Amino acid sequence: AQLNSKTSKSYTKSRLQRFEELDRQALLPLPAERHELSHWQYN
């Protein structure tokens, strides 16, 4: 959390601020069930 709230020399906004502005509104909720890993065998 500290790392994400820091501003860098090249950006005036922190990673957290950029995430809130650009990415948060595009996120979808996770599916209700977890993904089950499949094992594939070929030939």
All heavy atoms as atom14 arrays in JSON, in Angstrom:
{
  "sequence": "AQLNSKTSKSYTKSRLQRFEELDRQALLPLPAERHELSHWQYN",
  "atom14_mask": [
    [1, 1, 1, 1, 1, 0, 0, 0, 0, 0, 0, 0, 0, 0],
    [1, 1, 1, 1, 1, 1, 1, 1, 1, 0, 0, 0, 0, 0],
    [1, 1, 1, 1, 1, 1, 1, 1, 0, 0, 0, 0, 0, 0],
    [1, 1, 1, 1, 1, 1, 1, 1, 0, 0, 0, 0, 0, 0],
    [1, 1, 1, 1, 1, 1, 0, 0, 0, 0, 0, 0, 0, 0],
    [1, 1, 1, 1, 1, 1, 1, 1, 1, 0, 0, 0, 0, 0],
    [1, 1, 1, 1, 1, 1, 1, 0, 0, 0, 0, 0, 0, 0],
    [1, 1, 1, 1, 1, 1, 0, 0, 0, 0, 0, 0, 0, 0],
    [1, 1, 1, 1, 1, 1, 1, 1, 1, 0, 0, 0, 0, 0],
    [1, 1, 1, 1, 1, 1, 0, 0, 0, 0, 0, 0, 0, 0],
    [1, 1, 1, 1, 1, 1, 1, 1, 1, 1, 1, 1, 0, 0],
    [1, 1, 1, 1, 1, 1, 1, 0, 0, 0, 0, 0, 0, 0],
    [1, 1, 1, 1, 1, 1, 1, 1, 1, 0, 0, 0, 0, 0],
    [1, 1, 1, 1, 1, 1, 0, 0, 0, 0, 0, 0, 0, 0],
    [1, 1, 1, 1, 1, 1, 1, 1, 1, 1, 1, 0, 0, 0],
    [1, 1, 1, 1, 1, 1, 1, 1, 0, 0, 0, 0, 0, 0],
    [1, 1, 1, 1, 1, 1, 1, 1, 1, 0, 0, 0, 0, 0],
    [1, 1, 1, 1, 1, 1, 1, 1, 1, 1, 1, 0, 0, 0],
    [1, 1, 1, 1, 1, 1, 1, 1, 1, 1, 1, 0, 0, 0],
    [1, 1, 1, 1, 1, 1, 1, 1, 1, 0, 0, 0, 0, 0],
    [1, 1, 1, 1, 1, 1, 1, 1, 1, 0, 0, 0, 0, 0],
    [1, 1, 1, 1, 1, 1, 1, 1, 0, 0, 0, 0, 0, 0],
    [1, 1, 1, 1, 1, 1, 1, 1, 0, 0, 0, 0, 0, 0],
    [1, 1, 1, 1, 1, 1, 1, 1, 1, 1, 1, 0, 0, 0],
    [1, 1, 1, 1, 1, 1, 1, 1, 1, 0, 0, 0, 0, 0],
    [1, 1, 1, 1, 1, 0, 0, 0, 0, 0, 0, 0, 0, 0],
    [1, 1, 1, 1, 1, 1, 1, 1, 0, 0, 0, 0, 0, 0],
    [1, 1, 1, 1, 1, 1, 1, 1, 0, 0, 0, 0, 0, 0],
    [1, 1, 1, 1, 1, 1, 1, 0, 0, 0, 0, 0, 0, 0],
    [1, 1, 1, 1, 1, 1, 1, 1, 0, 0, 0, 0, 0, 0],
    [1, 1, 1, 1, 1, 1, 1, 0, 0, 0, 0, 0, 0, 0],
    [1, 1, 1, 1, 1, 0, 0, 0, 0, 0, 0, 0, 0, 0],
    [1, 1, 1, 1, 1, 1, 1, 1, 1, 0, 0, 0, 0, 0],
    [1, 1, 1, 1, 1, 1, 1, 1, 1, 1, 1, 0, 0, 0],
    [1, 1, 1, 1, 1, 1, 1, 1, 1, 1, 0, 0, 0, 0],
    [1, 1, 1, 1, 1, 1, 1, 1, 1, 0, 0, 0, 0, 0],
    [1, 1, 1, 1, 1, 1, 1, 1, 0, 0, 0, 0, 0, 0],
    [1, 1, 1, 1, 1, 1, 0, 0, 0, 0, 0, 0, 0, 0],
    [1, 1, 1, 1, 1, 1, 1, 1, 1, 1, 0, 0, 0, 0],
    [1, 1, 1, 1, 1, 1, 1, 1, 1, 1, 1, 1, 1, 1],
    [1, 1, 1, 1, 1, 1, 1, 1, 1, 0, 0, 0, 0, 0],
    [1, 1, 1, 1, 1, 1, 1, 1, 1, 1, 1, 1, 0, 0],
    [1, 1, 1, 1, 1, 1, 1, 1, 0, 0, 0, 0, 0, 0]
  ],
  "atom14_positions": [
    [[0.83, -1.21, 0.0], [0.0, 0.0, 0.0], [0.87, 1.26, 0.0], [0.58, 2.23, -0.71], [-0.94, -0.01, 1.21], [0.0, 0.0, 0.0], [0.0, 0.0, 0.0], [0.0, 0.0, 0.0], [0.0, 0.0, 0.0], [0.0, 0.0, 0.0], [0.0, 0.0, 0.0], [0.0, 0.0, 0.0], [0.0, 0.0, 0.0], [0.0, 0.0, 0.0]],
    [[1.95, 1.26, 0.77], [2.87, 2.4, 0.79], [3.51, 2.59, -0.59], [3.6, 3.72, -1.09], [3.97, 2.19, 1.83], [3.53, 2.32, 3.25], [4.64, 1.94, 4.23], [5.67, 1.4, 3.85], [4.41, 2.22, 5.5], [0.0, 0.0, 0.0], [0.0, 0.0, 0.0], [0.0, 0.0, 0.0], [0.0, 0.0, 0.0], [0.0, 0.0, 0.0]],
    [[3.94, 1.5, -1.19], [4.56, 1.58, -2.52], [3.58, 2.12, -3.55], [3.94, 2.99, -4.36], [5.05, 0.19, -2.95], [5.66, 0.09, -4.34], [6.91, 0.93, -4.45], [5.95, -1.35, -4.69], [0.0, 0.0, 0.0], [0.0, 0.0, 0.0], [0.0, 0.0, 0.0], [0.0, 0.0, 0.0], [0.0, 0.0, 0.0], [0.0, 0.0, 0.0]],
    [[2.34, 1.67, -3.51], [1.35, 2.12, -4.5], [0.89, 3.55, -4.27], [0.39, 4.18, -5.19], [0.16, 1.17, -4.51], [0.5, -0.15, -5.15], [1.38, -0.24, -5.99], [-0.19, -1.2, -4.75], [0.0, 0.0, 0.0], [0.0, 0.0, 0.0], [0.0, 0.0, 0.0], [0.0, 0.0, 0.0], [0.0, 0.0, 0.0], [0.0, 0.0, 0.0]],
    [[1.05, 4.07, -3.07], [0.62, 5.45, -2.81], [1.74, 6.46, -3.05], [1.48, 7.67, -3.03], [0.1, 5.58, -1.38], [1.13, 5.3, -0.46], [0.0, 0.0, 0.0], [0.0, 0.0, 0.0], [0.0, 0.0, 0.0], [0.0, 0.0, 0.0], [0.0, 0.0, 0.0], [0.0, 0.0, 0.0], [0.0, 0.0, 0.0], [0.0, 0.0, 0.0]],
    [[2.96, 5.99, -3.31], [4.07, 6.9, -3.58], [3.98, 7.46, -5.0], [3.55, 6.78, -5.91], [5.42, 6.16, -3.46], [5.86, 5.88, -2.07], [7.16, 5.1, -2.04], [8.14, 5.74, -2.98], [9.46, 5.13, -2.95], [0.0, 0.0, 0.0], [0.0, 0.0, 0.0], [0.0, 0.0, 0.0], [0.0, 0.0, 0.0], [0.0, 0.0, 0.0]],
    [[4.41, 8.7, -5.16], [4.54, 9.26, -6.5], [5.99, 9.09, -6.94], [6.9, 9.08, -6.12], [4.16, 10.76, -6.53], [4.98, 11.45, -5.6], [2.7, 10.96, -6.18], [0.0, 0.0, 0.0], [0.0, 0.0, 0.0], [0.0, 0.0, 0.0], [0.0, 0.0, 0.0], [0.0, 0.0, 0.0], [0.0, 0.0, 0.0], [0.0, 0.0, 0.0]],
    [[6.18, 8.96, -8.23], [7.54, 8.78, -8.75], [8.02, 10.06, -9.41], [7.28, 11.03, -9.54], [7.57, 7.63, -9.75], [6.78, 7.95, -10.87], [0.0, 0.0, 0.0], [0.0, 0.0, 0.0], [0.0, 0.0, 0.0], [0.0, 0.0, 0.0], [0.0, 0.0, 0.0], [0.0, 0.0, 0.0], [0.0, 0.0, 0.0], [0.0, 0.0, 0.0]],
    [[9.26, 10.05, -9.85], [9.83, 11.24, -10.51], [9.16, 11.5, -11.85], [8.94, 12.65, -12.23], [11.33, 11.04, -10.72], [12.12, 10.99, -9.45], [13.58, 10.73, -9.75], [14.37, 10.55, -8.45], [15.77, 10.21, -8.72], [0.0, 0.0, 0.0], [0.0, 0.0, 0.0], [0.0, 0.0, 0.0], [0.0, 0.0, 0.0], [0.0, 0.0, 0.0]],
    [[8.82, 10.44, -12.57], [8.28, 10.63, -13.91], [6.76, 10.84, -13.94], [6.24, 11.37, -14.91], [8.65, 9.43, -14.79], [8.2, 8.24, -14.19], [0.0, 0.0, 0.0], [0.0, 0.0, 0.0], [0.0, 0.0, 0.0], [0.0, 0.0, 0.0], [0.0, 0.0, 0.0], [0.0, 0.0, 0.0], [0.0, 0.0, 0.0], [0.0, 0.0, 0.0]],
    [[6.04, 10.42, -12.88], [4.59, 10.61, -12.81], [4.25, 11.48, -11.61], [4.8, 11.29, -10.53], [3.85, 9.28, -12.68], [3.95, 8.41, -13.9], [4.74, 7.28, -13.91], [3.23, 8.71, -15.05], [4.83, 6.47, -15.03], [3.3, 7.92, -16.17], [4.11, 6.8, -16.16], [4.18, 6.0, -17.25], [0.0, 0.0, 0.0], [0.0, 0.0, 0.0]],
    [[3.33, 12.39, -11.8], [2.91, 13.24, -10.68], [1.84, 12.57, -9.84], [1.52, 13.05, -8.76], [2.38, 14.58, -11.2], [1.3, 14.33, -12.09], [3.48, 15.36, -11.91], [0.0, 0.0, 0.0], [0.0, 0.0, 0.0], [0.0, 0.0, 0.0], [0.0, 0.0, 0.0], [0.0, 0.0, 0.0], [0.0, 0.0, 0.0], [0.0, 0.0, 0.0]],
    [[1.28, 11.46, -10.34], [0.25, 10.74, -9.61], [0.79, 9.38, -9.18], [1.62, 8.79, -9.87], [-0.99, 10.55, -10.47], [-1.68, 11.85, -10.83], [-2.89, 11.6, -11.65], [-3.56, 12.92, -12.02], [-4.73, 12.72, -12.84], [0.0, 0.0, 0.0], [0.0, 0.0, 0.0], [0.0, 0.0, 0.0], [0.0, 0.0, 0.0], [0.0, 0.0, 0.0]],
    [[0.27, 8.87, -8.09], [0.7, 7.56, -7.59], [0.05, 6.44, -8.42], [-0.9, 6.68, -9.17], [0.32, 7.39, -6.13], [-1.09, 7.3, -6.01], [0.0, 0.0, 0.0], [0.0, 0.0, 0.0], [0.0, 0.0, 0.0], [0.0, 0.0, 0.0], [0.0, 0.0, 0.0], [0.0, 0.0, 0.0], [0.0, 0.0, 0.0], [0.0, 0.0, 0.0]],
    [[0.54, 5.24, -8.25], [-0.05, 4.09, -8.93], [-1.51, 3.91, -8.51], [-2.36, 3.56, -9.32], [0.73, 2.81, -8.61], [2.08, 2.75, -9.24], [2.81, 1.47, -8.85], [4.14, 1.46, -9.39], [5.19, 2.01, -8.8], [5.05, 2.6, -7.65], [6.38, 1.98, -9.37], [0.0, 0.0, 0.0], [0.0, 0.0, 0.0], [0.0, 0.0, 0.0]],
    [[-1.78, 4.14, -7.24], [-3.15, 4.01, -6.73], [-4.07, 5.02, -7.39], [-5.19, 4.69, -7.81], [-3.18, 4.16, -5.21], [-4.54, 4.01, -4.55], [-5.11, 2.61, -4.82], [-4.44, 4.26, -3.07], [0.0, 0.0, 0.0], [0.0, 0.0, 0.0], [0.0, 0.0, 0.0], [0.0, 0.0, 0.0], [0.0, 0.0, 0.0], [0.0, 0.0, 0.0]],
    [[-3.64, 6.27, -7.52], [-4.45, 7.3, -8.17], [-4.71, 6.95, -9.64], [-5.83, 7.1, -10.13], [-3.77, 8.66, -8.08], [-3.76, 9.24, -6.68], [-2.87, 10.47, -6.58], [-1.82, 10.55, -7.24], [-3.3, 11.43, -5.78], [0.0, 0.0, 0.0], [0.0, 0.0, 0.0], [0.0, 0.0, 0.0], [0.0, 0.0, 0.0], [0.0, 0.0, 0.0]],
    [[-3.68, 6.48, -10.33], [-3.86, 6.11, -11.73], [-4.78, 4.9, -11.87], [-5.59, 4.84, -12.79], [-2.5, 5.82, -12.39], [-1.71, 7.13, -12.6], [-0.44, 6.88, -13.34], [0.51, 6.26, -12.42], [1.55, 5.52, -12.79], [1.77, 5.28, -14.05], [2.35, 5.02, -11.89], [0.0, 0.0, 0.0], [0.0, 0.0, 0.0], [0.0, 0.0, 0.0]],
    [[-4.69, 3.95, -10.94], [-5.6, 2.8, -10.95], [-7.04, 3.26, -10.77], [-7.94, 2.82, -11.49], [-5.22, 1.81, -9.85], [-6.24, 0.75, -9.61], [-6.37, -0.31, -10.49], [-7.09, 0.82, -8.51], [-7.33, -1.3, -10.27], [-8.04, -0.15, -8.29], [-8.16, -1.21, -9.18], [0.0, 0.0, 0.0], [0.0, 0.0, 0.0], [0.0, 0.0, 0.0]],
    [[-7.28, 4.15, -9.81], [-8.63, 4.64, -9.54], [-9.2, 5.37, -10.76], [-10.37, 5.22, -11.09], [-8.64, 5.57, -8.32], [-8.31, 4.89, -7.01], [-9.37, 3.92, -6.53], [-10.51, 3.97, -7.01], [-9.04, 3.11, -5.65], [0.0, 0.0, 0.0], [0.0, 0.0, 0.0], [0.0, 0.0, 0.0], [0.0, 0.0, 0.0], [0.0, 0.0, 0.0]],
    [[-8.36, 6.16, -11.43], [-8.84, 6.95, -12.57], [-9.04, 6.1, -13.84], [-10.0, 6.32, -14.57], [-7.85, 8.07, -12.89], [-7.82, 9.16, -11.85], [-6.75, 10.2, -12.13], [-6.09, 10.12, -13.2], [-6.56, 11.09, -11.29], [0.0, 0.0, 0.0], [0.0, 0.0, 0.0], [0.0, 0.0, 0.0], [0.0, 0.0, 0.0], [0.0, 0.0, 0.0]],
    [[-8.13, 5.17, -14.09], [-8.15, 4.47, -15.37], [-8.78, 3.08, -15.33], [-9.49, 2.69, -16.25], [-6.72, 4.34, -15.91], [-5.96, 5.64, -16.12], [-4.53, 5.37, -16.5], [-6.65, 6.47, -17.2], [0.0, 0.0, 0.0], [0.0, 0.0, 0.0], [0.0, 0.0, 0.0], [0.0, 0.0, 0.0], [0.0, 0.0, 0.0], [0.0, 0.0, 0.0]],
    [[-8.5, 2.31, -14.3], [-8.83, 0.89, -14.33], [-10.03, 0.48, -13.49], [-10.72, -0.48, -13.84], [-7.63, 0.05, -13.86], [-6.43, 0.22, -14.78], [-6.65, 0.45, -15.98], [-5.3, 0.12, -14.29], [0.0, 0.0, 0.0], [0.0, 0.0, 0.0], [0.0, 0.0, 0.0], [0.0, 0.0, 0.0], [0.0, 0.0, 0.0], [0.0, 0.0, 0.0]],
    [[-10.29, 1.16, -12.39], [-11.32, 0.69, -11.46], [-12.68, 0.53, -12.15], [-13.36, -0.46, -11.93], [-11.44, 1.64, -10.27], [-12.66, 1.34, -9.45], [-12.62, 1.01, -8.04], [-11.49, 1.16, -7.23], [-11.08, 0.18, -6.42], [-11.7, -0.98, -6.42], [-10.07, 0.36, -5.64], [0.0, 0.0, 0.0], [0.0, 0.0, 0.0], [0.0, 0.0, 0.0]],
    [[-13.09, 1.5, -12.97], [-14.42, 1.43, -13.58], [-14.53, 0.3, -14.6], [-15.64, -0.14, -14.91], [-14.83, 2.77, -14.22], [-13.96, 3.22, -15.36], [-12.84, 4.13, -14.93], [-12.52, 4.24, -13.75], [-12.23, 4.8, -15.89], [0.0, 0.0, 0.0], [0.0, 0.0, 0.0], [0.0, 0.0, 0.0], [0.0, 0.0, 0.0], [0.0, 0.0, 0.0]],
    [[-13.42, -0.23, -15.1], [-13.46, -1.31, -16.08], [-13.48, -2.7, -15.43], [-13.71, -3.69, -16.12], [-12.26, -1.21, -17.02], [0.0, 0.0, 0.0], [0.0, 0.0, 0.0], [0.0, 0.0, 0.0], [0.0, 0.0, 0.0], [0.0, 0.0, 0.0], [0.0, 0.0, 0.0], [0.0, 0.0, 0.0], [0.0, 0.0, 0.0], [0.0, 0.0, 0.0]],
    [[-13.26, -2.79, -14.12], [-13.22, -4.08, -13.45], [-14.6, -4.71, -13.35], [-15.6, -4.03, -13.17], [-12.63, -3.93, -12.05], [-11.15, -3.58, -11.97], [-10.74, -3.4, -10.52], [-10.31, -4.65, -12.62], [0.0, 0.0, 0.0], [0.0, 0.0, 0.0], [0.0, 0.0, 0.0], [0.0, 0.0, 0.0], [0.0, 0.0, 0.0], [0.0, 0.0, 0.0]],
    [[-14.62, -6.03, -13.47], [-15.85, -6.8, -13.32], [-15.76, -7.61, -12.04], [-14.66, -7.93, -11.59], [-16.02, -7.76, -14.51], [-16.11, -7.14, -15.89], [-16.1, -8.22, -16.96], [-17.37, -6.29, -16.0], [0.0, 0.0, 0.0], [0.0, 0.0, 0.0], [0.0, 0.0, 0.0], [0.0, 0.0, 0.0], [0.0, 0.0, 0.0], [0.0, 0.0, 0.0]],
    [[-16.89, -7.97, -11.44], [-16.82, -8.82, -10.25], [-16.31, -10.21, -10.62], [-16.5, -10.67, -11.75], [-18.26, -8.86, -9.74], [-19.09, -8.46, -10.9], [-18.25, -7.59, -11.77], [0.0, 0.0, 0.0], [0.0, 0.0, 0.0], [0.0, 0.0, 0.0], [0.0, 0.0, 0.0], [0.0, 0.0, 0.0], [0.0, 0.0, 0.0], [0.0, 0.0, 0.0]],
    [[-15.67, -10.87, -9.67], [-15.19, -12.23, -9.9], [-16.36, -13.19, -10.0], [-17.41, -12.97, -9.4], [-14.28, -12.67, -8.76], [-12.92, -11.97, -8.68], [-12.19, -12.4, -7.42], [-12.09, -12.29, -9.91], [0.0, 0.0, 0.0], [0.0, 0.0, 0.0], [0.0, 0.0, 0.0], [0.0, 0.0, 0.0], [0.0, 0.0, 0.0], [0.0, 0.0, 0.0]],
    [[-16.2, -14.28, -10.77], [-17.28, -15.29, -10.83], [-17.53, -15.91, -9.46], [-16.64, -15.93, -8.6], [-16.73, -16.34, -11.8], [-15.57, -15.73, -12.48], [-15.08, -14.61, -11.62], [0.0, 0.0, 0.0], [0.0, 0.0, 0.0], [0.0, 0.0, 0.0], [0.0, 0.0, 0.0], [0.0, 0.0, 0.0], [0.0, 0.0, 0.0], [0.0, 0.0, 0.0]],
    [[-18.72, -16.43, -9.26], [-19.08, -17.02, -7.97], [-18.24, -18.26, -7.66], [-17.87, -18.49, -6.52], [-20.56, -17.37, -7.96], [0.0, 0.0, 0.0], [0.0, 0.0, 0.0], [0.0, 0.0, 0.0], [0.0, 0.0, 0.0], [0.0, 0.0, 0.0], [0.0, 0.0, 0.0], [0.0, 0.0, 0.0], [0.0, 0.0, 0.0], [0.0, 0.0, 0.0]],
    [[-17.94, -19.06, -8.68], [-17.15, -20.26, -8.44], [-15.71, -20.05, -8.9], [-15.45, -19.3, -9.83], [-17.75, -21.48, -9.14], [-17.78, -21.42, -10.65], [-18.93, -20.6, -11.23], [-19.87, -20.28, -10.5], [-18.85, -20.27, -12.42], [0.0, 0.0, 0.0], [0.0, 0.0, 0.0], [0.0, 0.0, 0.0], [0.0, 0.0, 0.0], [0.0, 0.0, 0.0]],
    [[-14.79, -20.73, -8.21], [-13.38, -20.62, -8.54], [-13.07, -21.44, -9.79], [-13.76, -22.4, -10.1], [-12.52, -21.14, -7.38], [-12.66, -20.3, -6.13], [-11.85, -20.87, -5.02], [-10.44, -20.62, -5.31], [-9.46, -20.81, -4.46], [-9.72, -21.27, -3.27], [-8.23, -20.54, -4.78], [0.0, 0.0, 0.0], [0.0, 0.0, 0.0], [0.0, 0.0, 0.0]],
    [[-12.0, -21.08, -10.45], [-11.55, -21.82, -11.62], [-10.91, -23.13, -11.19], [-10.13, -23.15, -10.24], [-10.54, -20.98, -12.41], [-9.88, -21.73, -13.52], [-10.55, -22.12, -14.64], [-8.63, -22.18, -13.66], [-9.73, -22.77, -15.44], [-8.55, -22.81, -14.86], [0.0, 0.0, 0.0], [0.0, 0.0, 0.0], [0.0, 0.0, 0.0], [0.0, 0.0, 0.0]],
    [[-11.27, -24.21, -11.85], [-10.66, -25.51, -11.56], [-9.61, -25.79, -12.62], [-9.89, -25.73, -13.82], [-11.71, -26.62, -11.56], [-12.66, -26.52, -10.4], [-13.59, -27.72, -10.32], [-13.23, -28.79, -10.84], [-14.68, -27.55, -9.76], [0.0, 0.0, 0.0], [0.0, 0.0, 0.0], [0.0, 0.0, 0.0], [0.0, 0.0, 0.0], [0.0, 0.0, 0.0]],
    [[-8.42, -26.1, -12.17], [-7.31, -26.35, -13.08], [-7.55, -27.63, -13.86], [-7.93, -28.65, -13.3], [-6.01, -26.46, -12.28], [-4.73, -26.6, -13.09], [-4.53, -25.37, -13.97], [-3.56, -26.78, -12.17], [0.0, 0.0, 0.0], [0.0, 0.0, 0.0], [0.0, 0.0, 0.0], [0.0, 0.0, 0.0], [0.0, 0.0, 0.0], [0.0, 0.0, 0.0]],
    [[-7.34, -27.57, -15.15], [-7.5, -28.73, -16.03], [-6.14, -29.3, -16.37], [-5.14, -28.59, -16.39], [-8.19, -28.33, -17.33], [-9.44, -27.76, -17.07], [0.0, 0.0, 0.0], [0.0, 0.0, 0.0], [0.0, 0.0, 0.0], [0.0, 0.0, 0.0], [0.0, 0.0, 0.0], [0.0, 0.0, 0.0], [0.0, 0.0, 0.0], [0.0, 0.0, 0.0]],
    [[-6.12, -30.57, -16.62], [-4.88, -31.24, -17.04], [-5.11, -31.77, -18.44], [-6.01, -32.59, -18.66], [-4.53, -32.38, -16.08], [-3.3, -33.11, -16.47], [-2.04, -32.57, -16.31], [-3.11, -34.32, -17.04], [-1.14, -33.43, -16.74], [-1.78, -34.5, -17.2], [0.0, 0.0, 0.0], [0.0, 0.0, 0.0], [0.0, 0.0, 0.0], [0.0, 0.0, 0.0]],
    [[-4.33, -31.28, -19.41], [-4.52, -31.66, -20.8], [-3.41, -32.62, -21.23], [-2.24, -32.38, -20.95], [-4.49, -30.42, -21.69], [-5.62, -29.5, -21.41], [-5.66, -28.49, -20.49], [-6.9, -29.52, -22.01], [-6.88, -27.88, -20.5], [-7.66, -28.5, -21.43], [-7.49, -30.3, -22.99], [-8.96, -28.22, -21.79], [-8.79, -30.03, -23.36], [-9.51, -29.01, -22.77]],
    [[-3.79, -33.69, -21.92], [-2.82, -34.6, -22.49], [-3.1, -34.69, -23.99], [-4.26, -34.82, -24.4], [-2.94, -36.0, -21.89], [-2.36, -36.1, -20.5], [-2.42, -37.53, -20.01], [-3.47, -37.97, -19.59], [-1.31, -38.23, -20.09], [0.0, 0.0, 0.0], [0.0, 0.0, 0.0], [0.0, 0.0, 0.0], [0.0, 0.0, 0.0], [0.0, 0.0, 0.0]],
    [[-2.06, -34.63, -24.77], [-2.21, -34.66, -26.22], [-1.58, -35.93, -26.77], [-0.68, -36.52, -26.17], [-1.55, -33.42, -26.84], [-2.17, -32.14, -26.37], [-1.6, -31.4, -25.35], [-3.35, -31.68, -26.94], [-2.18, -30.23, -24.9], [-3.94, -30.51, -26.5], [-3.35, -29.78, -25.49], [-3.93, -28.63, -25.05], [0.0, 0.0, 0.0], [0.0, 0.0, 0.0]],
    [[-2.04, -36.33, -27.94], [-1.51, -37.5, -28.65], [-1.57, -38.76, -27.81], [-0.62, -39.54, -27.76], [-0.08, -37.24, -29.12], [0.0, -36.04, -30.04], [-0.9, -35.8, -30.84], [1.07, -35.28, -29.92], [0.0, 0.0, 0.0], [0.0, 0.0, 0.0], [0.0, 0.0, 0.0], [0.0, 0.0, 0.0], [0.0, 0.0, 0.0], [0.0, 0.0, 0.0]]
  ]
}
